[in-house]
């Protein structure tokens, strides 16, 4: 499982979504100039990365359904 490159790619995509979400929540909680400048950018980036992660998960499940 950990030697599967697609699984590793899915894990990286999910971690990227988590990191972007934490950055957005941290900026929202602290407020100030960082939040004003970057809140919309982080939201868009999170949505795009989340979409990519979901697509990769669906591809992984579809390709591995016959392997198990």
N, C-alpha and C. Protein backbone atom coordinates (compact mmCIF):
# COMPACT_ATOMS: atom_id res chain seq x y z
N UNK A 1 0.82 -1.19 0.00
CA UNK A 1 0.00 0.00 0.00
C UNK A 1 0.87 1.26 0.00
N UNK A 2 1.89 1.30 0.88
CA UNK A 2 2.76 2.47 0.93
C UNK A 2 3.76 2.49 -0.21
N UNK A 3 3.89 1.40 -0.93
CA UNK A 3 4.77 1.38 -2.09
C UNK A 3 4.02 1.77 -3.37
N UNK A 4 2.72 1.96 -3.27
CA UNK A 4 1.90 2.34 -4.42
C UNK A 4 2.04 3.85 -4.67
N UNK A 5 2.53 4.26 -5.84
CA UNK A 5 2.73 5.69 -6.09
C UNK A 5 1.42 6.50 -6.09
N UNK A 6 0.35 5.89 -6.54
CA UNK A 6 -0.93 6.60 -6.55
C UNK A 6 -1.42 6.85 -5.12
N UNK A 7 -1.22 5.88 -4.23
CA UNK A 7 -1.60 6.06 -2.83
C UNK A 7 -0.79 7.18 -2.19
N UNK A 8 0.49 7.23 -2.50
CA UNK A 8 1.35 8.30 -1.95
C UNK A 8 0.89 9.66 -2.49
N UNK A 9 0.51 9.72 -3.76
CA UNK A 9 0.02 10.96 -4.35
C UNK A 9 -1.28 11.40 -3.68
N UNK A 10 -2.17 10.45 -3.39
CA UNK A 10 -3.41 10.76 -2.69
C UNK A 10 -3.10 11.31 -1.30
N UNK A 11 -2.17 10.70 -0.60
CA UNK A 11 -1.80 11.17 0.74
C UNK A 11 -1.23 12.58 0.70
N UNK A 12 -0.40 12.86 -0.28
CA UNK A 12 0.17 14.21 -0.42
C UNK A 12 -0.93 15.23 -0.71
N UNK A 13 -1.88 14.87 -1.55
CA UNK A 13 -2.98 15.78 -1.87
C UNK A 13 -3.84 16.06 -0.65
N UNK A 14 -4.12 15.04 0.14
CA UNK A 14 -4.92 15.22 1.35
C UNK A 14 -4.16 16.08 2.37
N UNK A 15 -2.88 15.84 2.51
CA UNK A 15 -2.07 16.66 3.43
C UNK A 15 -2.03 18.12 2.97
N UNK A 16 -1.97 18.34 1.67
CA UNK A 16 -1.97 19.71 1.16
C UNK A 16 -3.28 20.41 1.51
N UNK A 17 -4.40 19.71 1.39
CA UNK A 17 -5.70 20.28 1.75
C UNK A 17 -5.72 20.63 3.24
N UNK A 18 -5.21 19.74 4.08
CA UNK A 18 -5.19 19.98 5.52
C UNK A 18 -4.33 21.20 5.86
N UNK A 19 -3.17 21.30 5.24
CA UNK A 19 -2.28 22.44 5.51
C UNK A 19 -2.92 23.75 5.08
N UNK A 20 -3.54 23.77 3.91
CA UNK A 20 -4.19 24.98 3.42
C UNK A 20 -5.37 25.35 4.33
N UNK A 21 -6.12 24.35 4.78
CA UNK A 21 -7.24 24.61 5.68
C UNK A 21 -6.76 25.18 7.00
N UNK A 22 -5.69 24.65 7.56
CA UNK A 22 -5.16 25.15 8.82
C UNK A 22 -4.65 26.58 8.65
N UNK A 23 -3.99 26.86 7.53
CA UNK A 23 -3.53 28.23 7.28
C UNK A 23 -4.70 29.20 7.19
N UNK A 24 -5.76 28.78 6.52
CA UNK A 24 -6.94 29.63 6.40
C UNK A 24 -7.63 29.85 7.73
N UNK A 25 -7.76 28.79 8.52
CA UNK A 25 -8.38 28.93 9.84
C UNK A 25 -7.53 29.78 10.77
N UNK A 26 -6.21 29.62 10.69
CA UNK A 26 -5.32 30.43 11.51
C UNK A 26 -5.41 31.90 11.15
N UNK A 27 -5.46 32.19 9.87
CA UNK A 27 -5.60 33.58 9.42
C UNK A 27 -6.94 34.16 9.81
N UNK A 28 -7.98 33.36 9.74
CA UNK A 28 -9.31 33.81 10.12
C UNK A 28 -9.38 34.08 11.63
N UNK A 29 -8.75 33.22 12.41
CA UNK A 29 -8.80 33.37 13.86
C UNK A 29 -8.00 34.59 14.32
N UNK A 30 -6.86 34.83 13.67
CA UNK A 30 -6.05 35.97 14.09
C UNK A 30 -6.56 37.28 13.50
N UNK A 31 -7.24 37.19 12.37
CA UNK A 31 -7.76 38.41 11.74
C UNK A 31 -6.63 39.27 11.22
N UNK A 32 -6.87 40.54 11.15
CA UNK A 32 -5.82 41.47 10.78
C UNK A 32 -5.53 41.53 9.29
N UNK A 33 -4.34 42.01 9.00
CA UNK A 33 -3.94 42.26 7.62
C UNK A 33 -3.77 40.98 6.80
N UNK A 34 -3.22 39.93 7.43
CA UNK A 34 -3.04 38.67 6.72
C UNK A 34 -4.38 38.12 6.25
N UNK A 35 -5.37 38.16 7.11
CA UNK A 35 -6.69 37.64 6.76
C UNK A 35 -7.32 38.46 5.63
N UNK A 36 -7.17 39.75 5.67
CA UNK A 36 -7.76 40.60 4.62
C UNK A 36 -7.12 40.35 3.26
N UNK A 37 -5.80 40.12 3.27
CA UNK A 37 -5.08 39.91 2.01
C UNK A 37 -5.28 38.52 1.43
N UNK A 38 -5.36 37.51 2.29
CA UNK A 38 -5.23 36.14 1.81
C UNK A 38 -6.43 35.23 2.01
N UNK A 39 -7.49 35.70 2.64
CA UNK A 39 -8.59 34.78 2.94
C UNK A 39 -9.24 34.22 1.69
N UNK A 40 -9.52 35.06 0.70
CA UNK A 40 -10.16 34.57 -0.53
C UNK A 40 -9.21 33.69 -1.34
N UNK A 41 -7.93 34.05 -1.36
CA UNK A 41 -6.95 33.24 -2.09
C UNK A 41 -6.83 31.85 -1.48
N UNK A 42 -6.78 31.80 -0.15
CA UNK A 42 -6.67 30.51 0.52
C UNK A 42 -7.93 29.66 0.32
N UNK A 43 -9.09 30.30 0.32
CA UNK A 43 -10.34 29.56 0.09
C UNK A 43 -10.36 28.96 -1.32
N UNK A 44 -9.96 29.75 -2.30
CA UNK A 44 -9.91 29.23 -3.68
C UNK A 44 -8.91 28.10 -3.82
N UNK A 45 -7.74 28.30 -3.21
CA UNK A 45 -6.70 27.27 -3.26
C UNK A 45 -7.16 25.99 -2.57
N UNK A 46 -7.87 26.13 -1.45
CA UNK A 46 -8.38 24.95 -0.75
C UNK A 46 -9.41 24.22 -1.59
N UNK A 47 -10.29 24.95 -2.24
CA UNK A 47 -11.31 24.31 -3.07
C UNK A 47 -10.68 23.56 -4.25
N UNK A 48 -9.70 24.18 -4.88
CA UNK A 48 -9.03 23.53 -6.01
C UNK A 48 -8.28 22.29 -5.55
N UNK A 49 -7.53 22.42 -4.45
CA UNK A 49 -6.76 21.27 -3.97
C UNK A 49 -7.68 20.17 -3.44
N UNK A 50 -8.81 20.56 -2.86
CA UNK A 50 -9.76 19.56 -2.39
C UNK A 50 -10.39 18.82 -3.56
N UNK A 51 -10.70 19.51 -4.63
CA UNK A 51 -11.24 18.87 -5.82
C UNK A 51 -10.24 17.87 -6.39
N UNK A 52 -8.97 18.28 -6.48
CA UNK A 52 -7.93 17.39 -6.99
C UNK A 52 -7.79 16.16 -6.10
N UNK A 53 -7.83 16.37 -4.78
CA UNK A 53 -7.71 15.25 -3.85
C UNK A 53 -8.87 14.27 -4.01
N UNK A 54 -10.07 14.78 -4.15
CA UNK A 54 -11.24 13.91 -4.30
C UNK A 54 -11.17 13.13 -5.62
N UNK A 55 -10.75 13.80 -6.69
CA UNK A 55 -10.61 13.11 -7.97
C UNK A 55 -9.56 12.00 -7.87
N UNK A 56 -8.44 12.29 -7.21
CA UNK A 56 -7.40 11.28 -7.04
C UNK A 56 -7.90 10.10 -6.20
N UNK A 57 -8.67 10.38 -5.17
CA UNK A 57 -9.22 9.30 -4.34
C UNK A 57 -10.17 8.42 -5.14
N UNK A 58 -11.01 9.05 -5.95
CA UNK A 58 -11.95 8.28 -6.78
C UNK A 58 -11.19 7.43 -7.79
N UNK A 59 -10.16 8.00 -8.41
CA UNK A 59 -9.34 7.23 -9.36
C UNK A 59 -8.67 6.07 -8.65
N UNK A 60 -8.13 6.31 -7.46
CA UNK A 60 -7.45 5.24 -6.70
C UNK A 60 -8.42 4.11 -6.38
N UNK A 61 -9.61 4.45 -5.89
CA UNK A 61 -10.59 3.42 -5.55
C UNK A 61 -11.03 2.68 -6.80
N UNK A 62 -11.25 3.38 -7.90
CA UNK A 62 -11.68 2.73 -9.13
C UNK A 62 -10.64 1.77 -9.66
N UNK A 63 -9.36 2.18 -9.63
CA UNK A 63 -8.31 1.32 -10.16
C UNK A 63 -7.98 0.14 -9.24
N UNK A 64 -8.24 0.31 -7.96
CA UNK A 64 -7.87 -0.75 -7.00
C UNK A 64 -9.04 -1.66 -6.61
N UNK A 65 -10.21 -1.43 -7.16
CA UNK A 65 -11.37 -2.24 -6.76
C UNK A 65 -11.23 -3.70 -7.20
N UNK A 66 -10.52 -3.94 -8.30
CA UNK A 66 -10.34 -5.31 -8.79
C UNK A 66 -9.09 -5.97 -8.23
N UNK A 67 -8.20 -5.16 -7.63
CA UNK A 67 -6.94 -5.70 -7.13
C UNK A 67 -7.10 -6.42 -5.80
N UNK A 68 -8.16 -6.09 -5.04
CA UNK A 68 -8.30 -6.65 -3.69
C UNK A 68 -9.05 -7.91 -3.70
